[in-house]
Amino acid sequence: IDCGISFPEEDMYGVDLVIPDITYLVNNADKVKGIF
C-alpha cells in the first residue's frame, strides 16, 4: 500500500528527497504481486 517520500531534515545538507528502504520487498520479489 502506497510508496511515498518525505522531505529532508535541516541537517540533511544537499539532500533532495528521502525514500523508504524496500530491501525486504526486493529480497521477496517473487511474492510481491502489486502496489495499491
Full PDB file with SEQRES, HELIX, SHEET, SSBOND, CRYST1, ORIGX, SCALE, CONECT and MASTER records, all heavy atoms in Angstrom:
SEQRES   1 A   36  ILE ASP CYS GLY ILE SER PHE PRO GLU GLU ASP MET TYR          
SEQRES   2 A   36  GLY VAL ASP LEU VAL ILE PRO ASP ILE THR TYR LEU VAL          
SEQRES   3 A   36  ASN ASN ALA ASP LYS VAL LYS GLY ILE PHE                      
HELIX    1 AA1 THR A   23  ASN A   27  1                                   5    
HELIX    2 AA2 ALA A   29  LYS A   31  5                                   3    
CRYST1    1.000    1.000    1.000  90.00  90.00  90.00 P 1           1          
ORIGX1      1.000000  0.000000  0.000000        0.00000                         
ORIGX2      0.000000  1.000000  0.000000        0.00000                         
ORIGX3      0.000000  0.000000  1.000000        0.00000                         
SCALE1      1.000000  0.000000  0.000000        0.00000                         
SCALE2      0.000000  1.000000  0.000000        0.00000                         
SCALE3      0.000000  0.000000  1.000000        0.00000                         
ATOM      1  N   ILE A   1       0.851  -1.188   0.000  1.00  0.00           N  
ATOM      2  CA  ILE A   1       0.000   0.000   0.000  1.00  0.00           C  
ATOM      3  C   ILE A   1       0.891   1.244   0.000  1.00  0.00           C  
ATOM      4  O   ILE A   1       1.665   1.460   0.933  1.00  0.00           O  
ATOM      5  CB  ILE A   1      -0.916   0.038   1.242  1.00  0.00           C  
ATOM      6  CG1 ILE A   1      -1.806  -1.214   1.288  1.00  0.00           C  
ATOM      7  CG2 ILE A   1      -1.780   1.298   1.243  1.00  0.00           C  
ATOM      8  CD1 ILE A   1      -2.600  -1.337   2.575  1.00  0.00           C  
ATOM      9  N   ASP A   2       0.803   2.019  -1.083  1.00  0.00           N  
ATOM     10  CA  ASP A   2       1.497   3.312  -1.199  1.00  0.00           C  
ATOM     11  C   ASP A   2       3.019   3.179  -1.253  1.00  0.00           C  
ATOM     12  O   ASP A   2       3.592   2.131  -0.926  1.00  0.00           O  
ATOM     13  CB  ASP A   2       1.079   4.272  -0.093  1.00  0.00           C  
ATOM     14  CG  ASP A   2      -0.363   4.743  -0.241  1.00  0.00           C  
ATOM     15  OD1 ASP A   2      -0.872   4.710  -1.373  1.00  0.00           O  
ATOM     16  OD2 ASP A   2      -0.984   5.117   0.768  1.00  0.00           O  
ATOM     17  N   CYS A   3       3.634   4.268  -1.659  1.00  0.00           N  
ATOM     18  CA  CYS A   3       5.094   4.278  -1.788  1.00  0.00           C  
ATOM     19  C   CYS A   3       5.539   5.744  -1.849  1.00  0.00           C  
ATOM     20  O   CYS A   3       5.783   6.285  -2.923  1.00  0.00           O  
ATOM     21  CB  CYS A   3       5.493   3.535  -3.051  1.00  0.00           C  
ATOM     22  SG  CYS A   3       7.244   3.227  -3.159  1.00  0.00           S  
ATOM     23  N   GLY A   4       5.617   6.385  -0.672  1.00  0.00           N  
ATOM     24  CA  GLY A   4       5.799   7.829  -0.628  1.00  0.00           C  
ATOM     25  C   GLY A   4       7.211   8.284  -0.298  1.00  0.00           C  
ATOM     26  O   GLY A   4       8.095   7.486  -0.004  1.00  0.00           O  
ATOM     27  N   ILE A   5       7.368   9.597  -0.340  1.00  0.00           N  
ATOM     28  CA  ILE A   5       8.637  10.221   0.049  1.00  0.00           C  
ATOM     29  C   ILE A   5       8.404  11.048   1.306  1.00  0.00           C  
ATOM     30  O   ILE A   5       7.278  11.332   1.695  1.00  0.00           O  
ATOM     31  CB  ILE A   5       9.186  11.157  -1.050  1.00  0.00           C  
ATOM     32  CG1 ILE A   5       8.172  12.288  -1.332  1.00  0.00           C  
ATOM     33  CG2 ILE A   5       9.544  10.400  -2.284  1.00  0.00           C  
ATOM     34  CD1 ILE A   5       8.728  13.423  -2.158  1.00  0.00           C  
ATOM     35  N   SER A   6       9.498  11.422   1.944  1.00  0.00           N  
ATOM     36  CA  SER A   6       9.449  12.507   2.926  1.00  0.00           C  
ATOM     37  C   SER A   6      10.499  13.518   2.501  1.00  0.00           C  
ATOM     38  O   SER A   6      11.323  13.246   1.624  1.00  0.00           O  
ATOM     39  CB  SER A   6       9.691  12.005   4.350  1.00  0.00           C  
ATOM     40  OG  SER A   6      10.957  11.409   4.470  1.00  0.00           O  
ATOM     41  N   PHE A   7      10.444  14.693   3.112  1.00  0.00           N  
ATOM     42  CA  PHE A   7      11.384  15.743   2.729  1.00  0.00           C  
ATOM     43  C   PHE A   7      12.525  15.791   3.734  1.00  0.00           C  
ATOM     44  O   PHE A   7      12.367  15.403   4.899  1.00  0.00           O  
ATOM     45  CB  PHE A   7      10.655  17.076   2.613  1.00  0.00           C  
ATOM     46  CG  PHE A   7       9.696  17.082   1.461  1.00  0.00           C  
ATOM     47  CD1 PHE A   7       8.334  16.892   1.669  1.00  0.00           C  
ATOM     48  CD2 PHE A   7      10.152  17.224   0.161  1.00  0.00           C  
ATOM     49  CE1 PHE A   7       7.447  16.858   0.604  1.00  0.00           C  
ATOM     50  CE2 PHE A   7       9.273  17.196  -0.910  1.00  0.00           C  
ATOM     51  CZ  PHE A   7       7.923  17.008  -0.693  1.00  0.00           C  
ATOM     52  N   PRO A   8      13.699  16.222   3.300  1.00  0.00           N  
ATOM     53  CA  PRO A   8      14.885  16.141   4.165  1.00  0.00           C  
ATOM     54  C   PRO A   8      14.797  17.031   5.388  1.00  0.00           C  
ATOM     55  O   PRO A   8      14.193  18.101   5.362  1.00  0.00           O  
ATOM     56  CB  PRO A   8      16.034  16.589   3.246  1.00  0.00           C  
ATOM     57  CG  PRO A   8      15.377  17.351   2.140  1.00  0.00           C  
ATOM     58  CD  PRO A   8      14.024  16.765   1.966  1.00  0.00           C  
ATOM     59  N   GLU A   9      15.420  16.562   6.482  1.00  0.00           N  
ATOM     60  CA  GLU A   9      15.565  17.379   7.686  1.00  0.00           C  
ATOM     61  C   GLU A   9      16.591  18.476   7.416  1.00  0.00           C  
ATOM     62  O   GLU A   9      17.354  18.422   6.438  1.00  0.00           O  
ATOM     63  CB  GLU A   9      16.049  16.503   8.854  1.00  0.00           C  
ATOM     64  CG  GLU A   9      15.182  15.287   9.145  1.00  0.00           C  
ATOM     65  CD  GLU A   9      13.898  15.634   9.869  1.00  0.00           C  
ATOM     66  OE1 GLU A   9      13.864  16.709  10.505  1.00  0.00           O  
ATOM     67  OE2 GLU A   9      12.946  14.833   9.780  1.00  0.00           O  
ATOM     68  N   GLU A  10      16.633  19.461   8.320  1.00  0.00           N  
ATOM     69  CA  GLU A  10      17.556  20.592   8.124  1.00  0.00           C  
ATOM     70  C   GLU A  10      19.019  20.153   8.085  1.00  0.00           C  
ATOM     71  O   GLU A  10      19.845  20.778   7.432  1.00  0.00           O  
ATOM     72  CB  GLU A  10      17.363  21.621   9.246  1.00  0.00           C  
ATOM     73  CG  GLU A  10      16.151  22.510   9.024  1.00  0.00           C  
ATOM     74  CD  GLU A  10      16.065  23.630  10.049  1.00  0.00           C  
ATOM     75  OE1 GLU A  10      17.072  23.862  10.750  1.00  0.00           O  
ATOM     76  OE2 GLU A  10      15.004  24.257  10.168  1.00  0.00           O  
ATOM     77  N   ASP A  11      19.351  19.065   8.812  1.00  0.00           N  
ATOM     78  CA  ASP A  11      20.750  18.644   8.868  1.00  0.00           C  
ATOM     79  C   ASP A  11      21.120  17.694   7.726  1.00  0.00           C  
ATOM     80  O   ASP A  11      22.223  17.163   7.694  1.00  0.00           O  
ATOM     81  CB  ASP A  11      21.068  17.994  10.216  1.00  0.00           C  
ATOM     82  CG  ASP A  11      20.199  16.785  10.515  1.00  0.00           C  
ATOM     83  OD1 ASP A  11      19.256  16.514   9.730  1.00  0.00           O  
ATOM     84  OD2 ASP A  11      20.442  16.106  11.527  1.00  0.00           O  
ATOM     85  N   MET A  12      20.188  17.468   6.774  1.00  0.00           N  
ATOM     86  CA  MET A  12      20.498  16.627   5.614  1.00  0.00           C  
ATOM     87  C   MET A  12      20.943  17.521   4.465  1.00  0.00           C  
ATOM     88  O   MET A  12      20.234  17.707   3.474  1.00  0.00           O  
ATOM     89  CB  MET A  12      19.277  15.792   5.216  1.00  0.00           C  
ATOM     90  CG  MET A  12      18.875  14.756   6.241  1.00  0.00           C  
ATOM     91  SD  MET A  12      17.435  13.809   5.681  1.00  0.00           S  
ATOM     92  CE  MET A  12      17.221  12.679   7.063  1.00  0.00           C  
ATOM     93  N   TYR A  13      22.137  18.062   4.603  1.00  0.00           N  
ATOM     94  CA  TYR A  13      22.648  19.073   3.676  1.00  0.00           C  
ATOM     95  C   TYR A  13      22.695  18.545   2.238  1.00  0.00           C  
ATOM     96  O   TYR A  13      23.311  17.529   1.963  1.00  0.00           O  
ATOM     97  CB  TYR A  13      24.045  19.525   4.097  1.00  0.00           C  
ATOM     98  CG  TYR A  13      24.072  20.180   5.453  1.00  0.00           C  
ATOM     99  CD1 TYR A  13      24.303  19.438   6.601  1.00  0.00           C  
ATOM    100  CD2 TYR A  13      23.847  21.541   5.595  1.00  0.00           C  
ATOM    101  CE1 TYR A  13      24.322  20.033   7.859  1.00  0.00           C  
ATOM    102  CE2 TYR A  13      23.858  22.148   6.838  1.00  0.00           C  
ATOM    103  CZ  TYR A  13      24.104  21.385   7.968  1.00  0.00           C  
ATOM    104  OH  TYR A  13      24.107  21.972   9.202  1.00  0.00           O  
ATOM    105  N   GLY A  14      22.007  19.277   1.331  1.00  0.00           N  
ATOM    106  CA  GLY A  14      22.066  18.937  -0.089  1.00  0.00           C  
ATOM    107  C   GLY A  14      21.139  17.825  -0.521  1.00  0.00           C  
ATOM    108  O   GLY A  14      21.022  17.553  -1.716  1.00  0.00           O  
ATOM    109  N   VAL A  15      20.470  17.165   0.412  1.00  0.00           N  
ATOM    110  CA  VAL A  15      19.593  16.042   0.060  1.00  0.00           C  
ATOM    111  C   VAL A  15      18.278  16.586  -0.502  1.00  0.00           C  
ATOM    112  O   VAL A  15      17.720  17.545   0.021  1.00  0.00           O  
ATOM    113  CB  VAL A  15      19.339  15.143   1.301  1.00  0.00           C  
ATOM    114  CG1 VAL A  15      18.295  14.078   0.999  1.00  0.00           C  
ATOM    115  CG2 VAL A  15      20.644  14.508   1.762  1.00  0.00           C  
ATOM    116  N   ASP A  16      17.797  15.965  -1.579  1.00  0.00           N  
ATOM    117  CA  ASP A  16      16.563  16.415  -2.234  1.00  0.00           C  
ATOM    118  C   ASP A  16      15.327  15.711  -1.682  1.00  0.00           C  
ATOM    119  O   ASP A  16      14.317  16.345  -1.419  1.00  0.00           O  
ATOM    120  CB  ASP A  16      16.641  16.175  -3.742  1.00  0.00           C  
ATOM    121  CG  ASP A  16      17.800  16.927  -4.380  1.00  0.00           C  
ATOM    122  OD1 ASP A  16      18.031  18.093  -3.991  1.00  0.00           O  
ATOM    123  OD2 ASP A  16      18.494  16.358  -5.237  1.00  0.00           O  
ATOM    124  N   LEU A  17      15.402  14.388  -1.556  1.00  0.00           N  
ATOM    125  CA  LEU A  17      14.259  13.583  -1.132  1.00  0.00           C  
ATOM    126  C   LEU A  17      14.731  12.468  -0.211  1.00  0.00           C  
ATOM    127  O   LEU A  17      15.896  12.073  -0.245  1.00  0.00           O  
ATOM    128  CB  LEU A  17      13.585  12.909  -2.339  1.00  0.00           C  
ATOM    129  CG  LEU A  17      13.105  13.760  -3.502  1.00  0.00           C  
ATOM    130  CD1 LEU A  17      12.686  12.845  -4.652  1.00  0.00           C  
ATOM    131  CD2 LEU A  17      11.946  14.636  -3.081  1.00  0.00           C  
ATOM    132  N   VAL A  18      13.792  11.953   0.566  1.00  0.00           N  
ATOM    133  CA  VAL A  18      14.064  10.775   1.390  1.00  0.00           C  
ATOM    134  C   VAL A  18      13.040   9.716   0.995  1.00  0.00           C  
ATOM    135  O   VAL A  18      11.833   9.967   1.013  1.00  0.00           O  
ATOM    136  CB  VAL A  18      13.956  11.089   2.892  1.00  0.00           C  
ATOM    137  CG1 VAL A  18      14.325   9.865   3.723  1.00  0.00           C  
ATOM    138  CG2 VAL A  18      14.858  12.270   3.269  1.00  0.00           C  
ATOM    139  N   ILE A  19      13.525   8.529   0.620  1.00  0.00           N  
ATOM    140  CA  ILE A  19      12.632   7.451   0.195  1.00  0.00           C  
ATOM    141  C   ILE A  19      12.814   6.252   1.121  1.00  0.00           C  
ATOM    142  O   ILE A  19      13.837   6.115   1.792  1.00  0.00           O  
ATOM    143  CB  ILE A  19      12.879   7.058  -1.279  1.00  0.00           C  
ATOM    144  CG1 ILE A  19      14.299   6.505  -1.468  1.00  0.00           C  
ATOM    145  CG2 ILE A  19      12.639   8.242  -2.200  1.00  0.00           C  
ATOM    146  CD1 ILE A  19      14.575   5.987  -2.878  1.00  0.00           C  
ATOM    147  N   PRO A  20      11.822   5.350   1.178  1.00  0.00           N  
ATOM    148  CA  PRO A  20      11.930   4.209   2.093  1.00  0.00           C  
ATOM    149  C   PRO A  20      12.887   3.139   1.576  1.00  0.00           C  
ATOM    150  O   PRO A  20      13.103   3.003   0.369  1.00  0.00           O  
ATOM    151  CB  PRO A  20      10.495   3.673   2.157  1.00  0.00           C  
ATOM    152  CG  PRO A  20       9.844   4.140   0.903  1.00  0.00           C  
ATOM    153  CD  PRO A  20      10.508   5.425   0.515  1.00  0.00           C  
ATOM    154  N   ASP A  21      13.411   2.385   2.502  1.00  0.00           N  
ATOM    155  CA  ASP A  21      14.264   1.235   2.197  1.00  0.00           C  
ATOM    156  C   ASP A  21      13.348   0.037   1.926  1.00  0.00           C  
ATOM    157  O   ASP A  21      12.596  -0.388   2.804  1.00  0.00           O  
ATOM    158  CB  ASP A  21      15.174   0.959   3.404  1.00  0.00           C  
ATOM    159  CG  ASP A  21      16.156  -0.179   3.163  1.00  0.00           C  
ATOM    160  OD1 ASP A  21      15.937  -0.967   2.215  1.00  0.00           O  
ATOM    161  OD2 ASP A  21      17.125  -0.301   3.927  1.00  0.00           O  
ATOM    162  N   ILE A  22      13.376  -0.512   0.703  1.00  0.00           N  
ATOM    163  CA  ILE A  22      12.487  -1.631   0.372  1.00  0.00           C  
ATOM    164  C   ILE A  22      13.263  -2.948   0.231  1.00  0.00           C  
ATOM    165  O   ILE A  22      12.867  -3.849  -0.508  1.00  0.00           O  
ATOM    166  CB  ILE A  22      11.675  -1.340  -0.906  1.00  0.00           C  
ATOM    167  CG1 ILE A  22      12.592  -1.105  -2.114  1.00  0.00           C  
ATOM    168  CG2 ILE A  22      10.739  -0.163  -0.687  1.00  0.00           C  
ATOM    169  CD1 ILE A  22      11.849  -1.185  -3.451  1.00  0.00           C  
ATOM    170  N   THR A  23      14.361  -3.068   0.986  1.00  0.00           N  
ATOM    171  CA  THR A  23      15.183  -4.288   0.933  1.00  0.00           C  
ATOM    172  C   THR A  23      14.343  -5.540   1.148  1.00  0.00           C  
ATOM    173  O   THR A  23      14.521  -6.553   0.461  1.00  0.00           O  
ATOM    174  CB  THR A  23      16.302  -4.216   1.999  1.00  0.00           C  
ATOM    175  OG1 THR A  23      17.114  -3.086   1.737  1.00  0.00           O  
ATOM    176  CG2 THR A  23      17.152  -5.478   1.989  1.00  0.00           C  
ATOM    177  N   TYR A  24      13.410  -5.476   2.114  1.00  0.00           N  
ATOM    178  CA  TYR A  24      12.592  -6.655   2.412  1.00  0.00           C  
ATOM    179  C   TYR A  24      11.786  -7.079   1.184  1.00  0.00           C  
ATOM    180  O   TYR A  24      11.669  -8.281   0.890  1.00  0.00           O  
ATOM    181  CB  TYR A  24      11.642  -6.367   3.579  1.00  0.00           C  
ATOM    182  CG  TYR A  24      10.756  -7.551   3.927  1.00  0.00           C  
ATOM    183  CD1 TYR A  24      11.265  -8.643   4.641  1.00  0.00           C  
ATOM    184  CD2 TYR A  24       9.422  -7.604   3.510  1.00  0.00           C  
ATOM    185  CE1 TYR A  24      10.471  -9.738   4.933  1.00  0.00           C  
ATOM    186  CE2 TYR A  24       8.623  -8.695   3.801  1.00  0.00           C  
ATOM    187  CZ  TYR A  24       9.152  -9.757   4.517  1.00  0.00           C  
ATOM    188  OH  TYR A  24       8.364 -10.852   4.809  1.00  0.00           O  
ATOM    189  N   LEU A  25      11.244  -6.115   0.460  1.00  0.00           N  
ATOM    190  CA  LEU A  25      10.443  -6.438  -0.721  1.00  0.00           C  
ATOM    191  C   LEU A  25      11.330  -6.957  -1.857  1.00  0.00           C  
ATOM    192  O   LEU A  25      10.951  -7.896  -2.561  1.00  0.00           O  
ATOM    193  CB  LEU A  25       9.668  -5.205  -1.183  1.00  0.00           C  
ATOM    194  CG  LEU A  25       8.665  -4.634  -0.168  1.00  0.00           C  
ATOM    195  CD1 LEU A  25       8.013  -3.363  -0.705  1.00  0.00           C  
ATOM    196  CD2 LEU A  25       7.604  -5.668   0.196  1.00  0.00           C  
ATOM    197  N   VAL A  26      12.498  -6.359  -2.020  1.00  0.00           N  
ATOM    198  CA  VAL A  26      13.431  -6.825  -3.048  1.00  0.00           C  
ATOM    199  C   VAL A  26      13.863  -8.267  -2.762  1.00  0.00           C  
ATOM    200  O   VAL A  26      13.936  -9.104  -3.669  1.00  0.00           O  
ATOM    201  CB  VAL A  26      14.655  -5.888  -3.140  1.00  0.00           C  
ATOM    202  CG1 VAL A  26      15.722  -6.465  -4.071  1.00  0.00           C  
ATOM    203  CG2 VAL A  26      14.232  -4.503  -3.611  1.00  0.00           C  
ATOM    204  N   ASN A  27      14.102  -8.565  -1.488  1.00  0.00           N  
ATOM    205  CA  ASN A  27      14.505  -9.928  -1.098  1.00  0.00           C  
ATOM    206  C   ASN A  27      13.381 -10.944  -1.270  1.00  0.00           C  
ATOM    207  O   ASN A  27      13.629 -12.151  -1.300  1.00  0.00           O  
ATOM    208  CB  ASN A  27      14.993  -9.947   0.353  1.00  0.00           C  
ATOM    209  CG  ASN A  27      16.308  -9.215   0.531  1.00  0.00           C  
ATOM    210  OD1 ASN A  27      17.022  -8.951  -0.444  1.00  0.00           O  
ATOM    211  ND2 ASN A  27      16.646  -8.855   1.762  1.00  0.00           N  
ATOM    212  N   ASN A  28      12.144 -10.446  -1.327  1.00  0.00           N  
ATOM    213  CA  ASN A  28      10.982 -11.333  -1.514  1.00  0.00           C  
ATOM    214  C   ASN A  28      10.243 -10.973  -2.797  1.00  0.00           C  
ATOM    215  O   ASN A  28       9.014 -11.036  -2.869  1.00  0.00           O  
ATOM    216  CB  ASN A  28      10.031 -11.211  -0.315  1.00  0.00           C  
ATOM    217  CG  ASN A  28      10.625 -11.782   0.964  1.00  0.00           C  
ATOM    218  OD1 ASN A  28      10.537 -12.976   1.216  1.00  0.00           O  
ATOM    219  ND2 ASN A  28      11.247 -10.921   1.760  1.00  0.00           N  
ATOM    220  N   ALA A  29      11.018 -10.627  -3.822  1.00  0.00           N  
ATOM    221  CA  ALA A  29      10.443 -10.094  -5.064  1.00  0.00           C  
ATOM    222  C   ALA A  29       9.425 -11.038  -5.695  1.00  0.00           C  
ATOM    223  O   ALA A  29       8.425 -10.588  -6.270  1.00  0.00           O  
ATOM    224  CB  ALA A  29      11.565  -9.793  -6.050  1.00  0.00           C  
ATOM    225  N   ASP A  30       9.650 -12.347  -5.589  1.00  0.00           N  
ATOM    226  CA  ASP A  30       8.735 -13.308  -6.216  1.00  0.00           C  
ATOM    227  C   ASP A  30       7.356 -13.315  -5.562  1.00  0.00           C  
ATOM    228  O   ASP A  30       6.374 -13.749  -6.166  1.00  0.00           O  
ATOM    229  CB  ASP A  30       9.332 -14.723  -6.169  1.00  0.00           C  
ATOM    230  CG  ASP A  30       9.687 -15.161  -4.750  1.00  0.00           C  
ATOM    231  OD1 ASP A  30      10.121 -14.306  -3.956  1.00  0.00           O  
ATOM    232  OD2 ASP A  30       9.502 -16.357  -4.431  1.00  0.00           O  
ATOM    233  N   LYS A  31       7.268 -12.792  -4.342  1.00  0.00           N  
ATOM    234  CA  LYS A  31       5.980 -12.762  -3.631  1.00  0.00           C  
ATOM    235  C   LYS A  31       5.184 -11.484  -3.900  1.00  0.00           C  
ATOM    236  O   LYS A  31       3.978 -11.436  -3.696  1.00  0.00           O  
ATOM    237  CB  LYS A  31       6.209 -12.856  -2.112  1.00  0.00           C  
ATOM    238  CG  LYS A  31       6.739 -14.193  -1.619  1.00  0.00           C  
ATOM    239  CD  LYS A  31       6.789 -14.150  -0.085  1.00  0.00           C  
ATOM    240  CE  LYS A  31       7.270 -15.454   0.501  1.00  0.00           C  
ATOM    241  NZ  LYS A  31       7.281 -15.395   1.982  1.00  0.00           N  
ATOM    242  N   VAL A  32       5.872 -10.415  -4.312  1.00  0.00           N  
ATOM    243  CA  VAL A  32       5.224  -9.098  -4.411  1.00  0.00           C  
ATOM    244  C   VAL A  32       4.376  -9.030  -5.679  1.00  0.00           C  
ATOM    245  O   VAL A  32       4.892  -9.109  -6.790  1.00  0.00           O  
ATOM    246  CB  VAL A  32       6.270  -7.958  -4.397  1.00  0.00           C  
ATOM    247  CG1 VAL A  32       5.570  -6.605  -4.397  1.00  0.00           C  
ATOM    248  CG2 VAL A  32       7.176  -8.074  -3.173  1.00  0.00           C  
ATOM    249  N   LYS A  33       3.064  -8.900  -5.509  1.00  0.00           N  
ATOM    250  CA  LYS A  33       2.124  -9.015  -6.632  1.00  0.00           C  
ATOM    251  C   LYS A  33       1.619  -7.674  -7.156  1.00  0.00           C  
ATOM    252  O   LYS A  33       1.059  -7.606  -8.250  1.00  0.00           O  
ATOM    253  CB  LYS A  33       0.912  -9.862  -6.213  1.00  0.00           C  
ATOM    254  CG  LYS A  33       1.275 -11.236  -5.670  1.00  0.00           C  
ATOM    255  CD  LYS A  33       2.111 -12.042  -6.646  1.00  0.00           C  
ATOM    256  CE  LYS A  33       2.473 -13.412  -6.080  1.00  0.00           C  
ATOM    257  NZ  LYS A  33       3.425 -14.142  -6.939  1.00  0.00           N  
ATOM    258  N   GLY A  34       1.757  -6.612  -6.374  1.00  0.00           N  
ATOM    259  CA  GLY A  34       1.263  -5.334  -6.868  1.00  0.00           C  
ATOM    260  C   GLY A  34       1.364  -4.249  -5.810  1.00  0.00           C  
ATOM    261  O   GLY A  34       1.495  -4.539  -4.614  1.00  0.00           O  
ATOM    262  N   ILE A  35       1.323  -2.997  -6.282  1.00  0.00           N  
ATOM    263  CA  ILE A  35       1.334  -1.865  -5.368  1.00  0.00           C  
ATOM    264  C   ILE A  35       0.019  -1.105  -5.566  1.00  0.00           C  
ATOM    265  O   ILE A  35      -0.390  -0.825  -6.690  1.00  0.00           O  
ATOM    266  CB  ILE A  35       2.573  -0.974  -5.570  1.00  0.00           C  
ATOM    267  CG1 ILE A  35       2.605   0.141  -4.537  1.00  0.00           C  
ATOM    268  CG2 ILE A  35       2.684  -0.421  -6.967  1.00  0.00           C  
ATOM    269  CD1 ILE A  35       3.994   0.721  -4.335  1.00  0.00           C  
ATOM    270  N   PHE A  36      -0.654  -0.802  -4.466  1.00  0.00           N  
ATOM    271  CA  PHE A  36      -2.003  -0.242  -4.489  1.00  0.00           C  
ATOM    272  C   PHE A  36      -1.959   1.144  -3.842  1.00  0.00           C  
ATOM    273  O   PHE A  36      -1.562   1.272  -2.678  1.00  0.00           O  
ATOM    274  CB  PHE A  36      -2.962  -1.176  -3.745  1.00  0.00           C  
ATOM    275  CG  PHE A  36      -3.057  -2.546  -4.382  1.00  0.00           C  
ATOM    276  CD1 PHE A  36      -2.075  -3.505  -4.155  1.00  0.00           C  
ATOM    277  CD2 PHE A  36      -4.100  -2.857  -5.227  1.00  0.00           C  
ATOM    278  CE1 PHE A  36      -2.132  -4.762  -4.758  1.00  0.00           C  
ATOM    279  CE2 PHE A  36      -4.178  -4.106  -5.829  1.00  0.00           C  
ATOM    280  CZ  PHE A  36      -3.199  -5.059  -5.602  1.00  0.00           C  
TER     281      PHE A  36                                                      
MASTER        0    0    0    2    0    0    0    6  280    1    0    3          
END                                                                             
